[in-house]
Structure formats: C-alpha cells, structure tokens
C-alpha cells in the first residue's frame, strides 16, 4: 500500500467517523431548531454516501469479475451524484439563512436548474460516457466534460461567496465567518485537486469546513437557546407578577371617596398612602431579580396602612423583624399578607391580628406570616384554581426558581393560618 492510498484511507475514514458523530449529536441535541437539525442530518447523510461510495469504488480497483465491475459502476455513479447533491444543499442552506427575497428565491431556482442539468448528464453517462468512464481495472476515467460540469457546483459556491461578501450586514459576524470558511475551504480544495491528482484534497477540505461550520452553528444555537430560555423566564415572571394585582384597589378608592366627605384630613393621608403603594407596586412589577427584603417590607407596610384605614381597629399588625439583611423575589411578602387579610382576618366579624416575623438561622432565612383567622379560607385550599391561590402558586414558583427556597402553608381550623418561607442563605445573601 503506497503513501497516497494510506493518506486517502485516513481522510475517508476520519470523514465517516466525523459524519456519524455529528449526526448523533444533531439527533440528541434538543436546543437546535428543527430546520437546521434536519438539514445537518440530511447533509451528513449525503456526505456519508459520498465518502462511502468513494471508499467502495476505490476498493474495486484492480478487481476482476462481473460483480466488481458492477460495484465500480454503481458506486462511482453514487459518488458523483452525491457530490452534486452536497453542493446544492450547501447553497440552498446559505440562501435560507440569508433569506433575502426575491433574490434568494431566484437563485434557488437557478441552482436547482444547474443541479438538474448535472443530474441529467450523469443519468445519460452510462449510455454516452460524456462525463466519465470505467477502465478495465475499474478505475474512473474523467472525460472532457467531467471537470466543466463538476465545476458548475463550484460556480454555485462562488456565487454564494460573492453574495455573502455583499450582504454581510444582514448576517451576524459569527455566521459570516463560518460561511466564509464553508465556501472558501472547498473552493481551494477543488482548485488544488485539479493539480494534485490521487489524494483526496477536496474531501479533506470539505470535511474540515463542514466540521467547523457545524460546531460553530451548534455553539450559536446553544447560546440562542439559553437566551430564549432566559427571555421566556422573564416573560413568565412578568406574567406571574401581572397576576398578583391587589384586590383592594377599588375598595381603597371607595374608602378615599367616603373620607373626602367625612374626614378630609384622613382622606389626604389615605391618598398619599395609596399613591406610595401604587408607585411601589409598579416599581416592583418591573423588577425581575430579587430585591432587598427591607424594600418588600416597606411595600407591605404601605399596603397594610391602606387596609387599616379601611378596617380600622379590626386589623392589628405585629412586626417581629429579626433580620432584613437578605434578598427576596419582588411581590413575595405582600401577596402573602394580602391573602391573610382577605381569607383570614376578613372572615372574622371582630377582625384579628396579622404577625410578620423574620429569623436568621445558620444556613437559612425564615419568614413567617401568621393570622388568627378561621384557619380555612372560603376557597378550598386544595383547588389550585381557587381565588387567591394563583398568587400563592406564583409566589411559590418564583421563590423556588429565583432563590432555591420553599413556601409552605399551615392551616389550623379555628386558630388561623401560617405561611413559612424558607430561603437558603447562599441564595438570599
């Protein structure tokens, strides 16, 4: 076995292994869009067909017998066929990425027409021998039209390259760089192949360009996937926050309206408190990261100040704040306190007391919101769609996702309800 054959075997088998690995990665990779995933699977399949045909065709060299002659004819045909398909797929993939209509639409038609012309000549070749022939030793013999017809694939790639250079502003820098490699490496390999016969230079350059393109594309798709995940999480957070709207707004406006007639001074105080609450509430809705607990506590106090103006002495509040030196998702404490007022204190004719407590333990922060209401709200606590439960569920999810914490509710019929919020220190500090 001479040196050229050993080099070709190494190139071909390395190409096969790379193609199989890339197909496996594409099939298992869920972060890539369906269209590029399908493209790369088909593209690497075509490359496997191209490389495999080349290996088998060369294996038939110098073999005698009708079987070997038949195999040489079949796999040389398959090798040329798959090379035409590969060039078309590269060009169409680039045009899909560029996406400039109607120019790209017209070029797709032209490229499909060129490939159709190549295929027509290839199909007629067994009868006409205008592209290539098979000699007595089963070696492929290039005829006069082989290189011009094959170079039509190079013309498509050159057209794509020119289009890329003139339209770089429509593509990201990484995409432009990858396609530049994708186009230039095989073109250089094709030119060198004309002068260096016997070594699979074109195949090596094609596999190198394809591997660079694939893994660069995979890297961008992975980054895009995580960006989309983060954006989806932000949207989801906004949607959850938008559901936590205070139920008492209309009642508070009614209280202020009534105070305007009976106690204008107190009405002014209520309007100021209401304004502070709304401003803090709107600010909180725009926050997507945990905020200092002191800010959330201040927001909750504004809410309770309004409720006390509404209910008077029927609503008592006790604060036992052991620590404020930690972070908490926005609109976490206030919805829990609001839930205690609506489903706890308001269910008792004589009213009741709400207590808010924080404690700093060795490995976690604990927040407790207690009320001495009936212990069971008017809504079945087992119904996740019940009124008031949407806010609890949203708060629980945000605590778990943003801080790695937990929220538990304890209902004691006749003596009240307790909300336990636990935040790991490493996440809350």
Protein backbone atom coordinates (compact mmCIF):
# COMPACT_ATOMS: atom_id res chain seq x y z
CA UNK A 1 0.00 0.00 0.00
CA UNK A 2 1.55 3.30 -1.13
CA UNK A 3 1.59 6.58 0.81
CA UNK A 4 -1.19 8.21 -1.23
CA UNK A 5 -3.56 5.35 -0.55
CA UNK A 6 -2.82 5.44 3.17
CA UNK A 7 -3.49 9.19 3.25
CA UNK A 8 -6.77 8.72 1.36
CA UNK A 9 -7.89 5.93 3.68
CA UNK A 10 -7.17 8.12 6.70
CA UNK A 11 -9.07 11.06 5.17
CA UNK A 12 -12.07 8.95 4.15
CA UNK A 13 -12.48 7.03 7.41
CA UNK A 14 -11.93 10.14 9.51
CA UNK A 15 -14.67 11.80 7.43
CA UNK A 16 -17.05 8.90 8.03
CA UNK A 17 -16.44 8.97 11.78
CA UNK A 18 -16.96 12.74 11.92
CA UNK A 19 -20.21 12.47 9.95
CA UNK A 20 -21.60 9.74 12.23
CA UNK A 21 -20.64 11.71 15.36
CA UNK A 22 -22.23 14.90 14.00
CA UNK A 23 -25.45 13.07 13.09
CA UNK A 24 -25.60 11.57 16.59
CA UNK A 25 -25.05 14.99 18.18
CA UNK A 26 -27.74 16.55 15.97
CA UNK A 27 -30.28 13.84 16.79
CA UNK A 28 -29.67 14.11 20.54
CA UNK A 29 -29.35 17.90 20.58
CA UNK A 30 -32.71 19.41 21.56
CA UNK A 31 -31.51 23.01 21.62
CA UNK A 32 -31.23 23.31 17.84
CA UNK A 33 -34.14 24.42 15.68
CA UNK A 34 -35.89 21.70 13.69
CA UNK A 35 -34.97 23.09 10.24
CA UNK A 36 -31.18 23.28 10.72
CA UNK A 37 -31.25 19.96 12.58
CA UNK A 38 -32.95 18.30 9.63
CA UNK A 39 -30.52 19.98 7.22
CA UNK A 40 -27.42 18.76 9.04
CA UNK A 41 -28.79 15.23 9.38
CA UNK A 42 -29.51 15.09 5.64
CA UNK A 43 -26.25 16.83 4.77
CA UNK A 44 -24.07 14.47 6.80
CA UNK A 45 -26.03 11.53 5.39
CA UNK A 46 -25.16 12.72 1.88
CA UNK A 47 -21.51 13.07 2.93
CA UNK A 48 -21.56 9.52 4.29
CA UNK A 49 -22.95 8.38 0.95
CA UNK A 50 -20.24 10.35 -0.87
CA UNK A 51 -17.37 9.09 1.28
CA UNK A 52 -18.69 5.52 1.43
CA UNK A 53 -19.09 5.40 -2.33
CA UNK A 54 -15.54 6.69 -2.76
CA UNK A 55 -14.18 4.00 -0.41
CA UNK A 56 -16.05 1.16 -2.12
CA UNK A 57 -15.22 2.45 -5.63
CA UNK A 58 -11.51 2.51 -4.75
CA UNK A 59 -11.80 -0.93 -3.14
CA UNK A 60 -12.96 -2.24 -6.53
CA UNK A 61 -9.76 -1.14 -8.23
CA UNK A 62 -7.85 -3.94 -9.98
CA UNK A 63 -10.55 -6.47 -9.05
CA UNK A 64 -11.67 -8.94 -11.72
CA UNK A 65 -15.14 -10.29 -12.31
CA UNK A 66 -18.60 -9.03 -13.22
CA UNK A 67 -19.50 -8.32 -9.59
CA UNK A 68 -16.60 -5.93 -9.09
CA UNK A 69 -17.30 -4.22 -12.41
CA UNK A 70 -20.92 -3.72 -11.39
CA UNK A 71 -19.97 -2.37 -7.96
CA UNK A 72 -17.45 0.02 -9.50
CA UNK A 73 -20.09 1.40 -11.88
CA UNK A 74 -22.74 1.77 -9.17
CA UNK A 75 -20.55 3.44 -6.58
CA UNK A 76 -18.74 5.76 -8.98
CA UNK A 77 -22.17 6.92 -10.13
CA UNK A 78 -23.27 7.35 -6.49
CA UNK A 79 -20.09 9.27 -5.66
CA UNK A 80 -20.62 11.82 -8.45
CA UNK A 81 -24.36 12.01 -7.70
CA UNK A 82 -23.86 12.75 -4.01
CA UNK A 83 -21.19 15.37 -4.78
CA UNK A 84 -23.73 17.29 -6.90
CA UNK A 85 -26.37 17.00 -4.16
CA UNK A 86 -23.90 18.13 -1.50
CA UNK A 87 -23.04 21.32 -3.41
CA UNK A 88 -26.74 22.12 -3.92
CA UNK A 89 -27.50 21.60 -0.21
CA UNK A 90 -24.71 23.98 0.82
CA UNK A 91 -26.03 26.70 -1.50
CA UNK A 92 -29.68 26.29 -0.50
CA UNK A 93 -28.79 26.29 3.19
CA UNK A 94 -26.93 29.57 2.80
CA UNK A 95 -29.80 31.15 0.86
CA UNK A 96 -32.23 30.07 3.59
CA UNK A 97 -30.04 31.68 6.24
CA UNK A 98 -29.62 34.86 4.21
CA UNK A 99 -33.33 34.98 3.49
CA UNK A 100 -33.31 37.99 1.14
CA UNK A 101 -36.31 37.66 -1.13
CA UNK A 102 -36.83 37.77 -4.10
CA UNK A 103 -33.10 37.48 -4.92
CA UNK A 104 -32.68 34.27 -2.93
CA UNK A 105 -35.83 32.79 -4.47
CA UNK A 106 -34.50 33.37 -7.99
CA UNK A 107 -31.09 31.94 -7.09
CA UNK A 108 -32.71 28.83 -5.63
CA UNK A 109 -34.40 28.24 -8.97
CA UNK A 110 -31.11 28.78 -10.83
CA UNK A 111 -29.16 26.44 -8.52
CA UNK A 112 -31.80 23.71 -8.74
CA UNK A 113 -31.69 24.11 -12.52
CA UNK A 114 -27.88 23.75 -12.58
CA UNK A 115 -28.04 20.63 -10.44
CA UNK A 116 -30.85 19.26 -12.60
CA UNK A 117 -28.65 19.75 -15.67
CA UNK A 118 -25.76 17.94 -13.94
CA UNK A 119 -28.06 15.07 -12.96
CA UNK A 120 -29.38 14.76 -16.49
CA UNK A 121 -25.87 14.41 -17.87
CA UNK A 122 -24.98 11.96 -15.10
CA UNK A 123 -28.01 9.78 -15.82
CA UNK A 124 -27.11 9.72 -19.53
CA UNK A 125 -23.44 8.99 -18.80
CA UNK A 126 -23.75 5.15 -18.69
CA UNK A 127 -25.00 5.34 -22.29
CA UNK A 128 -22.92 8.24 -23.60
CA UNK A 129 -19.75 8.28 -21.45
CA UNK A 130 -19.62 12.09 -21.72
CA UNK A 131 -18.59 12.64 -18.07
CA UNK A 132 -16.50 9.64 -17.10
CA UNK A 133 -15.78 6.04 -17.92
CA UNK A 134 -14.64 2.92 -16.08
CA UNK A 135 -11.47 1.28 -17.46
CA UNK A 136 -10.54 -2.40 -17.38
CA UNK A 137 -9.01 -2.05 -13.89
CA UNK A 138 -12.25 -0.47 -12.55
CA UNK A 139 -10.59 2.94 -12.25
CA UNK A 140 -12.69 6.01 -13.04
CA UNK A 141 -11.53 7.83 -16.15
CA UNK A 142 -12.51 11.52 -16.45
CA UNK A 143 -13.79 12.57 -19.86
CA UNK A 144 -13.57 16.04 -21.36
CA UNK A 145 -16.86 17.31 -19.91
CA UNK A 146 -16.32 16.00 -16.39
CA UNK A 147 -14.41 18.95 -14.98
CA UNK A 148 -16.56 21.67 -16.63
CA UNK A 149 -19.78 20.02 -15.43
CA UNK A 150 -18.36 19.40 -11.97
CA UNK A 151 -17.14 22.98 -11.79
CA UNK A 152 -20.77 24.16 -12.11
CA UNK A 153 -21.05 23.17 -8.43
CA UNK A 154 -18.09 25.43 -7.77
CA UNK A 155 -19.86 28.22 -9.66
CA UNK A 156 -22.80 27.93 -7.24
CA UNK A 157 -20.47 28.14 -4.26
CA UNK A 158 -18.61 31.11 -5.79
CA UNK A 159 -21.96 32.84 -6.32
CA UNK A 160 -22.81 32.23 -2.66
CA UNK A 161 -19.42 33.60 -1.64
CA UNK A 162 -19.95 36.80 -3.64
CA UNK A 163 -23.45 37.10 -2.20
CA UNK A 164 -22.02 36.64 1.29
CA UNK A 165 -19.42 39.39 0.82
CA UNK A 166 -22.05 41.85 -0.45
CA UNK A 167 -24.61 41.03 2.26
CA UNK A 168 -22.51 40.66 5.40
CA UNK A 169 -24.53 43.32 7.19
CA UNK A 170 -27.58 41.05 7.11
CA UNK A 171 -25.75 38.27 8.97
CA UNK A 172 -24.10 38.12 12.35
CA UNK A 173 -20.25 38.24 12.38
CA UNK A 174 -20.07 34.62 13.51
CA UNK A 175 -22.41 33.43 10.76
CA UNK A 176 -20.50 35.40 8.11
CA UNK A 177 -17.18 33.95 9.30
CA UNK A 178 -18.50 30.39 9.29
CA UNK A 179 -19.96 30.63 5.80
CA UNK A 180 -16.75 32.24 4.56
CA UNK A 181 -14.87 29.15 5.77
CA UNK A 182 -17.66 26.90 4.48
CA UNK A 183 -17.26 28.30 0.96
CA UNK A 184 -13.55 29.06 0.63
CA UNK A 185 -12.07 25.82 2.00
CA UNK A 186 -13.81 23.52 -0.55
CA UNK A 187 -13.11 26.01 -3.36
CA UNK A 188 -9.42 26.00 -2.53
CA UNK A 189 -9.55 22.21 -2.24
CA UNK A 190 -11.28 21.97 -5.63
CA UNK A 191 -8.59 24.11 -7.27
CA UNK A 192 -5.77 22.12 -5.66
CA UNK A 193 -7.46 18.86 -6.67
CA UNK A 194 -7.04 19.79 -10.35
CA UNK A 195 -3.26 19.92 -9.87
CA UNK A 196 -2.74 17.17 -7.29
CA UNK A 197 -4.36 14.00 -8.55
CA UNK A 198 -4.58 10.92 -6.40
CA UNK A 199 -5.02 12.49 -2.94
CA UNK A 200 -8.48 13.41 -1.64
CA UNK A 201 -7.66 17.06 -1.04
CA UNK A 202 -11.19 18.21 -1.91
CA UNK A 203 -12.68 15.68 0.51
CA UNK A 204 -10.34 16.78 3.31
CA UNK A 205 -11.09 20.48 2.78
CA UNK A 206 -14.82 19.77 2.59
CA UNK A 207 -14.84 17.82 5.86
CA UNK A 208 -12.74 20.46 7.62
CA UNK A 209 -15.05 23.28 6.50
CA UNK A 210 -18.16 21.26 7.37
CA UNK A 211 -16.88 20.37 10.85
CA UNK A 212 -16.01 23.99 11.64
CA UNK A 213 -19.38 25.15 10.33
CA UNK A 214 -21.34 22.53 12.24
CA UNK A 215 -19.78 23.08 15.65
CA UNK A 216 -19.85 26.88 15.27
CA UNK A 217 -23.51 26.68 14.33
CA UNK A 218 -24.18 24.34 17.25
CA UNK A 219 -22.46 26.79 19.60
CA UNK A 220 -24.61 29.69 18.34
CA UNK A 221 -27.78 27.61 18.54
CA UNK A 222 -26.94 26.64 22.12
CA UNK A 223 -26.35 30.29 23.04
CA UNK A 224 -29.59 31.26 21.29
CA UNK A 225 -31.45 28.52 23.15
CA UNK A 226 -30.30 29.72 26.55
CA UNK A 227 -31.02 33.33 25.59
CA UNK A 228 -34.53 32.30 24.59
CA UNK A 229 -34.91 30.37 27.83
CA UNK A 230 -33.91 33.44 29.81
CA UNK A 231 -36.29 35.62 27.80
CA UNK A 232 -39.09 33.09 28.29
CA UNK A 233 -38.36 33.10 32.00
CA UNK A 234 -38.51 36.90 32.07
CA UNK A 235 -41.83 36.84 30.20
CA UNK A 236 -43.13 34.14 32.52
CA UNK A 237 -42.05 36.17 35.53
CA UNK A 238 -43.80 39.26 34.17
CA UNK A 239 -46.94 37.24 33.53
CA UNK A 240 -46.88 35.83 37.04
CA UNK A 241 -46.27 39.26 38.53
CA UNK A 242 -49.08 40.74 36.46
CA UNK A 243 -51.46 38.20 38.01
CA UNK A 244 -50.57 39.43 41.51
CA UNK A 245 -52.71 42.55 41.32
CA UNK A 246 -54.09 43.93 44.61
CA UNK A 247 -57.74 43.04 45.10
CA UNK A 248 -58.32 46.00 47.34
CA UNK A 249 -57.69 48.81 44.81
CA UNK A 250 -61.33 49.56 44.09
CA UNK A 251 -62.24 49.26 47.77
CA UNK A 252 -59.42 51.64 48.69
CA UNK A 253 -60.67 54.20 46.18
CA UNK A 254 -64.13 53.83 47.66
CA UNK A 255 -62.74 54.43 51.16
CA UNK A 256 -60.89 57.54 49.98
CA UNK A 257 -64.04 58.82 48.29
CA UNK A 258 -66.04 58.35 51.50
CA UNK A 259 -63.34 60.01 53.62
CA UNK A 260 -63.43 63.03 51.33
CA UNK A 261 -66.93 63.71 52.70
CA UNK A 262 -66.42 62.69 56.34
CA UNK A 263 -62.75 63.32 57.17
CA UNK A 264 -60.82 65.32 54.51
CA UNK A 265 -57.57 65.23 56.50
CA UNK A 266 -57.66 61.45 56.74
CA UNK A 267 -58.66 61.27 53.08
CA UNK A 268 -55.48 63.17 52.22
CA UNK A 269 -53.41 60.73 54.28
CA UNK A 270 -55.15 57.80 52.59
CA UNK A 271 -54.50 59.28 49.14
CA UNK A 272 -50.81 59.74 49.97
CA UNK A 273 -50.53 56.16 51.26
CA UNK A 274 -52.39 54.89 48.23
CA UNK A 275 -50.01 56.78 45.94
CA UNK A 276 -46.97 55.31 47.72
CA UNK A 277 -48.39 51.85 47.41
CA UNK A 278 -49.14 52.20 43.70
CA UNK A 279 -45.70 53.63 42.98
CA UNK A 280 -44.01 50.82 44.87
CA UNK A 281 -46.28 48.25 43.23
CA UNK A 282 -45.48 49.48 39.73
CA UNK A 283 -41.76 49.55 40.53
CA UNK A 284 -41.99 46.01 41.86
CA UNK A 285 -43.70 44.74 38.72
CA UNK A 286 -40.70 45.87 36.66
CA UNK A 287 -38.16 44.06 38.86
CA UNK A 288 -37.10 40.63 37.60
CA UNK A 289 -34.42 39.94 40.19
CA UNK A 290 -34.61 39.57 43.95
CA UNK A 291 -34.76 42.84 45.88
CA UNK A 292 -33.72 43.73 49.45
CA UNK A 293 -36.25 42.45 51.97
CA UNK A 294 -36.43 45.93 53.50
CA UNK A 295 -37.93 47.22 50.23
CA UNK A 296 -40.51 44.44 50.13
CA UNK A 297 -41.34 45.07 53.80
CA UNK A 298 -41.86 48.78 53.13
CA UNK A 299 -44.17 47.94 50.26
CA UNK A 300 -46.14 45.60 52.53
CA UNK A 301 -46.43 48.28 55.23
CA UNK A 302 -47.90 50.70 52.67
CA UNK A 303 -50.46 48.06 51.79
CA UNK A 304 -51.33 47.40 55.45
CA UNK A 305 -51.62 51.14 56.13
CA UNK A 306 -54.32 51.35 53.48
CA UNK A 307 -56.10 48.30 54.83
CA UNK A 308 -56.07 49.70 58.35
CA UNK A 309 -57.68 52.89 57.09
CA UNK A 310 -60.34 50.69 55.60
CA UNK A 311 -60.92 48.31 58.52
CA UNK A 312 -59.79 50.44 61.46
CA UNK A 313 -59.09 48.60 64.71
CA UNK A 314 -60.41 45.35 63.28
CA UNK A 315 -56.98 44.87 61.68
CA UNK A 316 -54.00 44.68 64.01
CA UNK A 317 -50.42 44.13 62.80
CA UNK A 318 -47.46 42.88 64.79
CA UNK A 319 -43.87 43.04 63.49
CA UNK A 320 -41.11 40.80 64.83
CA UNK A 321 -38.29 41.50 62.38
CA UNK A 322 -35.12 39.67 63.38
CA UNK A 323 -33.26 40.45 60.15
CA UNK A 324 -33.68 42.39 56.92
CA UNK A 325 -30.24 41.61 55.52
CA UNK A 326 -31.30 39.34 52.68
CA UNK A 327 -32.82 39.38 49.20
CA UNK A 328 -36.26 38.16 48.22
CA UNK A 329 -38.22 37.99 44.93
CA UNK A 330 -40.34 41.08 44.45
CA UNK A 331 -44.00 40.88 45.46
CA UNK A 332 -43.43 37.89 47.73
CA UNK A 333 -44.35 39.12 51.21
CA UNK A 334 -47.17 41.49 50.22
CA UNK A 335 -49.33 38.85 48.44
CA UNK A 336 -48.98 36.55 51.46
CA UNK A 337 -50.07 39.33 53.80
CA UNK A 338 -52.91 40.26 51.44
CA UNK A 339 -54.01 36.62 51.43
CA UNK A 340 -54.02 36.63 55.26
CA UNK A 341 -56.19 39.76 55.29
CA UNK A 342 -58.65 38.56 52.65
CA UNK A 343 -59.02 34.91 53.72
CA UNK A 344 -58.16 35.23 57.39
CA UNK A 345 -59.00 38.50 59.14
CA UNK A 346 -61.95 39.44 56.94
CA UNK A 347 -63.63 36.11 57.75
CA UNK A 348 -63.94 37.09 61.43
CA UNK A 349 -66.61 39.62 62.34
CA UNK A 350 -64.48 41.08 65.12
CA UNK A 351 -61.32 41.19 62.98
CA UNK A 352 -57.95 39.89 64.07
CA UNK A 353 -54.18 40.17 64.07
CA UNK A 354 -51.52 39.53 61.46
CA UNK A 355 -47.93 38.98 62.54
CA UNK A 356 -44.83 39.17 60.34
CA UNK A 357 -41.63 37.61 61.62
CA UNK A 358 -38.13 37.01 60.19
CA UNK A 359 -35.32 34.95 61.67
CA UNK A 360 -31.68 34.44 60.68
CA UNK A 361 -30.60 30.82 61.15
CA UNK A 362 -27.22 29.25 60.45
CA UNK A 363 -27.99 28.09 56.90
CA UNK A 364 -31.26 29.75 56.01
CA UNK A 365 -33.57 32.72 56.48
CA UNK A 366 -37.12 32.13 57.65
CA UNK A 367 -40.14 34.39 57.10
CA UNK A 368 -43.45 33.71 58.82
CA UNK A 369 -46.78 35.38 58.14
CA UNK A 370 -49.47 34.38 60.68
CA UNK A 371 -53.10 35.32 61.14
CA UNK A 372 -55.63 34.32 63.78
CA UNK A 373 -58.49 33.90 61.33
CA UNK A 374 -60.67 30.79 60.98
CA UNK A 375 -57.78 28.78 59.55
CA UNK A 376 -59.60 27.81 56.36
CA UNK A 377 -60.41 30.43 53.75
CA UNK A 378 -63.67 30.48 51.79
CA UNK A 379 -61.87 28.76 48.91
CA UNK A 380 -60.91 25.13 49.05
CA UNK A 381 -57.14 25.21 49.60
CA UNK A 382 -56.78 22.05 47.56
CA UNK A 383 -58.12 23.78 44.45
CA UNK A 384 -55.17 25.34 42.59
CA UNK A 385 -57.57 27.49 40.53
CA UNK A 386 -59.40 28.90 43.52
CA UNK A 387 -59.44 32.64 44.12
CA UNK A 388 -56.30 33.76 45.93
CA UNK A 389 -54.44 30.53 45.18
CA UNK A 390 -52.99 31.79 41.88
CA UNK A 391 -50.94 34.39 43.76
CA UNK A 392 -49.72 31.79 46.26
CA UNK A 393 -48.70 29.43 43.49
CA UNK A 394 -46.87 32.18 41.61
CA UNK A 395 -45.00 33.28 44.72
CA UNK A 396 -44.03 29.68 45.48
CA UNK A 397 -42.68 29.16 41.96
CA UNK A 398 -40.65 32.37 41.98
CA UNK A 399 -39.16 31.60 45.39
CA UNK A 400 -38.08 28.17 44.19
CA UNK A 401 -36.73 29.32 40.82
CA UNK A 402 -35.05 32.58 41.85
CA UNK A 403 -33.78 31.73 45.34
CA UNK A 404 -33.93 27.95 45.65
CA UNK A 405 -36.28 28.43 48.59
CA UNK A 406 -39.63 26.98 49.58
CA UNK A 407 -43.05 28.10 50.74
CA UNK A 408 -45.31 26.02 52.96
CA UNK A 409 -48.78 26.85 54.31
CA UNK A 410 -50.19 25.51 57.54
CA UNK A 411 -53.92 25.74 58.26
CA UNK A 412 -55.19 25.35 61.82
CA UNK A 413 -59.00 25.37 61.89
CA UNK A 414 -60.22 27.86 64.46
CA UNK A 415 -56.82 29.34 65.27
CA UNK A 416 -55.51 30.69 61.97
CA UNK A 417 -53.02 30.04 59.20
CA UNK A 418 -49.24 30.27 58.96
CA UNK A 419 -47.10 30.82 55.87
CA UNK A 420 -43.49 29.60 56.15
CA UNK A 421 -40.98 30.94 53.62
CA UNK A 422 -37.50 29.42 53.78
CA UNK A 423 -34.60 30.91 51.83
CA UNK A 424 -31.13 29.31 51.67
CA UNK A 425 -28.53 31.84 52.84
CA UNK A 426 -26.23 31.24 49.88
CA UNK A 427 -29.03 32.36 47.54
CA UNK A 428 -30.61 35.05 49.73
CA UNK A 429 -27.48 36.99 50.63
